[in-house]
N, C-alpha and C. Protein backbone atom coordinates (compact mmCIF):
# COMPACT_ATOMS: atom_id res chain seq x y z
N MET A 1 79.09 95.42 -80.41
CA MET A 1 79.16 95.46 -81.84
C MET A 1 80.54 95.04 -82.29
N ASP A 2 80.55 94.39 -83.54
CA ASP A 2 81.74 93.85 -83.87
C ASP A 2 82.42 95.05 -84.60
N LEU A 3 83.74 94.82 -84.71
CA LEU A 3 84.78 95.86 -85.13
C LEU A 3 84.40 96.25 -86.63
N GLU A 4 84.05 95.39 -87.54
CA GLU A 4 83.84 95.68 -89.00
C GLU A 4 82.49 96.78 -88.71
N GLN A 5 81.28 96.22 -88.12
CA GLN A 5 80.26 97.20 -88.00
C GLN A 5 80.50 98.60 -87.52
N GLN A 6 81.43 98.62 -86.39
CA GLN A 6 81.90 99.80 -85.57
C GLN A 6 82.61 100.82 -86.79
N LEU A 7 83.50 100.09 -87.49
CA LEU A 7 84.11 100.88 -88.52
C LEU A 7 83.29 101.36 -89.47
N LYS A 8 82.27 100.55 -90.08
CA LYS A 8 81.33 101.01 -90.95
C LYS A 8 80.45 102.12 -90.48
N ASP A 9 80.13 101.94 -89.34
CA ASP A 9 79.09 103.17 -88.80
C ASP A 9 80.03 104.39 -88.57
N LEU A 10 81.18 104.33 -88.17
CA LEU A 10 82.10 105.52 -87.92
C LEU A 10 82.52 106.17 -89.36
N SER A 11 82.74 105.31 -90.45
CA SER A 11 82.85 105.80 -91.76
C SER A 11 81.67 106.30 -92.24
N GLN A 12 80.61 105.88 -92.00
CA GLN A 12 79.38 106.66 -92.51
C GLN A 12 79.28 107.91 -91.82
N LYS A 13 79.35 107.85 -90.53
CA LYS A 13 79.01 109.16 -89.83
C LYS A 13 79.96 110.26 -90.09
N TYR A 14 81.31 109.94 -90.39
CA TYR A 14 82.30 110.85 -90.55
C TYR A 14 82.86 110.79 -92.05
N SER A 15 82.18 110.27 -93.19
CA SER A 15 82.56 110.32 -94.39
C SER A 15 83.84 110.14 -94.55
N PHE A 16 84.43 109.17 -93.87
CA PHE A 16 85.94 108.79 -94.05
C PHE A 16 86.03 107.97 -95.60
N GLU A 17 87.01 108.27 -96.47
CA GLU A 17 87.19 107.70 -97.61
C GLU A 17 87.26 106.15 -97.78
N ASN A 18 87.94 105.63 -96.68
CA ASN A 18 88.48 104.19 -96.37
C ASN A 18 88.66 103.88 -95.14
N THR A 19 88.40 102.81 -94.67
CA THR A 19 88.94 102.54 -93.27
C THR A 19 89.36 100.86 -93.24
N HIS A 20 90.08 100.44 -92.51
CA HIS A 20 90.35 98.97 -92.18
C HIS A 20 91.22 98.95 -90.96
N PHE A 21 91.11 97.74 -90.54
CA PHE A 21 91.81 97.30 -89.17
C PHE A 21 92.55 95.93 -89.48
N LYS A 22 93.47 95.84 -88.34
CA LYS A 22 93.99 94.53 -88.22
C LYS A 22 94.25 94.48 -86.79
N THR A 23 94.18 93.24 -86.26
CA THR A 23 94.55 92.93 -84.96
C THR A 23 95.94 92.09 -84.79
N ASP A 24 96.74 92.14 -83.92
CA ASP A 24 97.72 91.43 -83.92
C ASP A 24 98.31 91.02 -82.46
N GLU A 25 99.42 90.56 -82.36
CA GLU A 25 99.91 90.18 -80.79
C GLU A 25 100.52 91.30 -79.95
N GLN A 26 100.67 92.64 -80.80
CA GLN A 26 101.23 93.79 -79.90
C GLN A 26 100.17 94.52 -78.99
N ILE A 27 100.50 95.01 -77.98
CA ILE A 27 99.41 95.70 -77.09
C ILE A 27 99.66 97.14 -77.42
N PRO A 28 98.54 98.06 -77.33
CA PRO A 28 97.20 97.30 -77.73
C PRO A 28 97.14 96.77 -79.04
N ASN A 29 96.42 95.80 -79.43
CA ASN A 29 96.14 94.96 -80.35
C ASN A 29 95.33 95.18 -81.53
N LEU A 30 94.85 96.39 -81.47
CA LEU A 30 93.97 96.84 -82.64
C LEU A 30 94.69 97.86 -83.33
N GLU A 31 94.92 97.84 -84.71
CA GLU A 31 95.53 99.17 -85.44
C GLU A 31 94.27 99.37 -86.56
N VAL A 32 93.83 100.61 -86.43
CA VAL A 32 92.97 100.92 -87.41
C VAL A 32 93.45 102.21 -88.36
N CYS A 33 93.21 102.15 -89.64
CA CYS A 33 93.62 103.12 -90.65
C CYS A 33 92.41 103.72 -91.08
N LEU A 34 92.41 105.06 -90.94
CA LEU A 34 91.32 105.78 -91.46
C LEU A 34 91.86 106.70 -92.63
N GLN A 35 91.35 106.75 -93.78
CA GLN A 35 91.61 107.63 -95.06
C GLN A 35 90.84 108.89 -94.71
N LEU A 36 91.67 110.13 -94.47
CA LEU A 36 91.01 111.07 -94.27
C LEU A 36 90.83 112.12 -95.37
N GLN A 37 89.60 112.87 -95.32
CA GLN A 37 89.29 114.11 -96.32
C GLN A 37 90.04 115.25 -95.76
N GLU A 38 89.95 116.33 -96.36
CA GLU A 38 90.62 117.60 -96.05
C GLU A 38 89.93 118.07 -94.99
N LYS A 39 88.74 117.93 -94.71
CA LYS A 39 87.96 118.59 -93.40
C LYS A 39 88.55 117.88 -92.27
N HIS A 40 88.75 116.45 -92.59
CA HIS A 40 89.26 115.68 -91.34
C HIS A 40 90.72 116.14 -90.87
N ILE A 41 91.53 116.27 -91.81
CA ILE A 41 92.71 116.68 -91.49
C ILE A 41 92.80 118.10 -90.89
N ASP A 42 92.15 119.06 -91.40
CA ASP A 42 91.94 120.41 -90.59
C ASP A 42 91.51 120.13 -89.13
N THR A 43 90.43 119.45 -88.93
CA THR A 43 90.13 118.85 -87.53
C THR A 43 91.20 118.40 -86.74
N PHE A 44 91.68 117.40 -87.39
CA PHE A 44 92.77 116.80 -86.65
C PHE A 44 93.87 117.85 -86.19
N ILE A 45 94.39 118.69 -87.17
CA ILE A 45 95.33 119.48 -86.86
C ILE A 45 95.09 120.69 -85.64
N GLU A 46 93.70 120.93 -85.59
CA GLU A 46 93.22 121.90 -84.70
C GLU A 46 93.35 121.28 -83.27
N LYS A 47 93.31 119.80 -83.29
CA LYS A 47 93.26 119.18 -81.97
C LYS A 47 94.59 118.53 -81.83
N ALA A 48 95.48 118.68 -82.68
CA ALA A 48 96.87 118.20 -82.47
C ALA A 48 97.67 118.39 -81.06
N GLY A 49 97.40 119.66 -80.77
CA GLY A 49 98.15 119.98 -79.27
C GLY A 49 97.35 119.30 -78.22
N GLN A 50 96.21 118.84 -78.32
CA GLN A 50 95.34 118.23 -77.38
C GLN A 50 95.48 116.66 -77.29
N LEU A 51 96.20 116.10 -78.08
CA LEU A 51 96.08 114.64 -78.35
C LEU A 51 96.48 113.64 -76.92
N ASN A 52 97.30 114.17 -76.24
CA ASN A 52 97.65 113.54 -75.12
C ASN A 52 96.53 113.56 -73.94
N SER A 53 95.99 114.82 -73.95
CA SER A 53 94.63 114.85 -72.82
C SER A 53 93.64 114.21 -73.49
N ILE A 54 93.39 114.20 -75.02
CA ILE A 54 92.02 113.36 -75.30
C ILE A 54 92.33 112.05 -75.17
N VAL A 55 93.64 111.50 -75.27
CA VAL A 55 93.80 109.86 -75.17
C VAL A 55 93.45 109.63 -73.54
N GLU A 56 94.13 110.47 -72.69
CA GLU A 56 93.90 110.30 -71.46
C GLU A 56 92.49 110.51 -70.92
N SER A 57 91.74 111.46 -71.30
CA SER A 57 90.24 111.39 -71.13
C SER A 57 89.36 110.26 -71.46
N CYS A 58 89.79 109.85 -72.74
CA CYS A 58 89.17 108.58 -73.25
C CYS A 58 89.35 107.42 -72.47
N ALA A 59 90.72 107.37 -72.20
CA ALA A 59 91.11 106.15 -71.23
C ALA A 59 90.40 106.12 -70.00
N ASN A 60 90.18 107.52 -69.47
CA ASN A 60 89.56 107.46 -68.03
C ASN A 60 88.17 106.99 -68.18
N MET A 61 87.46 107.41 -69.32
CA MET A 61 86.01 107.10 -69.62
C MET A 61 85.76 105.67 -69.68
N ILE A 62 86.54 105.14 -70.62
CA ILE A 62 86.50 103.64 -71.00
C ILE A 62 86.77 102.66 -69.78
N SER A 63 87.73 103.00 -68.79
CA SER A 63 88.09 102.36 -67.74
C SER A 63 86.97 102.26 -66.62
N ILE A 64 86.11 103.03 -66.73
CA ILE A 64 84.90 103.19 -65.92
C ILE A 64 83.94 102.01 -66.38
N PHE A 65 83.97 101.88 -67.48
CA PHE A 65 82.89 100.92 -68.20
C PHE A 65 83.35 99.51 -68.60
N ASP A 66 84.83 99.56 -68.87
CA ASP A 66 85.16 98.30 -69.41
C ASP A 66 86.25 97.92 -68.32
N THR A 67 85.93 97.18 -67.51
CA THR A 67 87.06 96.84 -66.31
C THR A 67 87.96 95.58 -66.87
N SER A 68 87.64 95.13 -67.86
CA SER A 68 88.63 94.02 -68.45
C SER A 68 89.66 94.64 -68.87
N VAL A 69 89.75 95.81 -69.29
CA VAL A 69 91.10 96.56 -69.89
C VAL A 69 91.68 97.53 -68.74
N SER A 70 92.94 97.50 -68.55
CA SER A 70 93.43 98.41 -67.43
C SER A 70 93.74 99.85 -68.05
N ARG A 71 93.58 100.71 -67.36
CA ARG A 71 93.86 102.22 -67.76
C ARG A 71 95.20 102.22 -68.28
N GLU A 72 96.21 101.66 -67.73
CA GLU A 72 97.43 101.64 -68.24
C GLU A 72 97.45 100.98 -69.82
N LEU A 73 96.88 100.16 -70.04
CA LEU A 73 96.84 99.51 -71.37
C LEU A 73 96.23 100.73 -72.45
N LEU A 74 94.93 101.22 -71.87
CA LEU A 74 94.22 102.02 -72.61
C LEU A 74 95.17 103.39 -73.09
N MET A 75 96.07 103.82 -72.20
CA MET A 75 97.12 104.96 -72.37
C MET A 75 98.12 104.70 -73.26
N GLN A 76 98.30 103.26 -73.57
CA GLN A 76 99.16 102.96 -74.69
C GLN A 76 98.68 103.27 -76.12
N THR A 77 97.69 103.68 -76.03
CA THR A 77 97.03 104.31 -77.44
C THR A 77 98.20 105.39 -78.15
N THR A 78 98.24 104.77 -79.28
CA THR A 78 99.03 105.71 -80.30
C THR A 78 98.36 106.05 -81.37
N LEU A 79 98.70 107.38 -81.91
CA LEU A 79 98.14 108.03 -83.06
C LEU A 79 99.29 108.31 -84.04
N ARG A 80 99.34 107.98 -85.32
CA ARG A 80 100.25 108.41 -86.38
C ARG A 80 99.80 108.69 -87.68
N CYS A 81 100.28 109.62 -88.45
CA CYS A 81 99.96 109.83 -89.55
C CYS A 81 100.81 109.25 -90.42
N GLY A 82 100.28 108.85 -91.79
CA GLY A 82 101.18 108.54 -92.89
C GLY A 82 100.61 108.47 -94.04
N ASP A 83 101.44 108.38 -95.11
CA ASP A 83 100.98 108.11 -96.34
C ASP A 83 99.80 109.17 -96.91
N LYS A 84 100.17 110.35 -96.90
CA LYS A 84 99.34 111.44 -97.27
C LYS A 84 98.27 111.58 -96.48
N ASN A 85 97.15 111.03 -96.53
CA ASN A 85 96.05 111.38 -95.68
C ASN A 85 95.50 110.33 -94.82
N LYS A 86 96.37 109.52 -94.27
CA LYS A 86 95.95 108.36 -93.40
C LYS A 86 96.28 108.54 -92.07
N LEU A 87 95.40 108.06 -91.30
CA LEU A 87 95.72 108.32 -89.73
C LEU A 87 95.59 106.75 -89.10
N TYR A 88 96.69 106.53 -88.46
CA TYR A 88 96.73 105.15 -88.02
C TYR A 88 96.60 105.18 -86.42
N ILE A 89 95.59 104.36 -85.81
CA ILE A 89 95.32 104.50 -84.51
C ILE A 89 95.49 103.27 -83.96
N ARG A 90 96.43 103.01 -82.76
CA ARG A 90 96.57 101.76 -82.33
C ARG A 90 95.97 101.80 -80.89
N THR A 91 94.99 101.05 -80.57
CA THR A 91 94.14 101.24 -79.32
C THR A 91 93.64 99.87 -79.15
N THR A 92 92.67 99.85 -78.05
CA THR A 92 91.86 98.58 -77.77
C THR A 92 90.60 98.98 -78.52
N PRO A 93 89.74 97.80 -78.76
CA PRO A 93 88.58 97.82 -79.51
C PRO A 93 87.56 98.71 -78.65
N SER A 94 87.62 98.39 -77.37
CA SER A 94 86.59 99.22 -76.51
C SER A 94 86.76 100.73 -76.53
N MET A 95 87.92 101.33 -76.91
CA MET A 95 88.26 102.55 -76.94
C MET A 95 88.30 103.30 -78.50
N LEU A 96 88.00 102.69 -79.47
CA LEU A 96 88.09 103.07 -80.79
C LEU A 96 86.89 104.04 -81.14
N LYS A 97 85.64 103.65 -80.70
CA LYS A 97 84.61 104.66 -81.05
C LYS A 97 84.86 106.05 -80.40
N LEU A 98 84.81 105.93 -78.98
CA LEU A 98 84.92 107.12 -78.42
C LEU A 98 85.96 108.10 -78.66
N LEU A 99 87.38 107.46 -79.02
CA LEU A 99 88.47 108.17 -79.57
C LEU A 99 88.27 108.92 -80.76
N VAL A 100 87.62 108.29 -81.75
CA VAL A 100 87.29 108.60 -82.96
C VAL A 100 86.25 109.94 -83.11
N GLU A 101 85.18 109.61 -82.11
CA GLU A 101 84.44 110.61 -82.25
C GLU A 101 84.85 111.80 -81.24
N THR A 102 85.55 111.56 -80.42
CA THR A 102 86.43 112.79 -79.71
C THR A 102 87.21 113.54 -80.50
N LEU A 103 88.05 112.94 -81.41
CA LEU A 103 88.71 113.51 -82.55
C LEU A 103 88.13 114.31 -83.45
N PHE A 104 87.09 114.05 -83.91
CA PHE A 104 86.29 114.53 -85.09
C PHE A 104 84.91 114.95 -85.02
N ASP A 105 84.52 115.21 -83.86
CA ASP A 105 83.23 115.94 -83.43
C ASP A 105 83.73 117.34 -83.22
């Protein structure tokens, strides 16, 4: 599934106000911006203390199914908040869906 469709599906599933992505030369090379609603922010805050273990768990799972990406690269995933209600996720394309679902389910 291409990234645009993946983001569209995630946006519909979680009712994000806006989503967009960019790829670049940095590693990992995908940065996604999710514009969150209040309910997303509350969920994210509840899981904030678990972010390292969430990333590690997702990386372990993805490394089983996507052998083209090393676990070390997957572990370079970063999350940062910015500009009121935006969440920026820098990760690999193969990890995006699982990570967002783990964060917001």
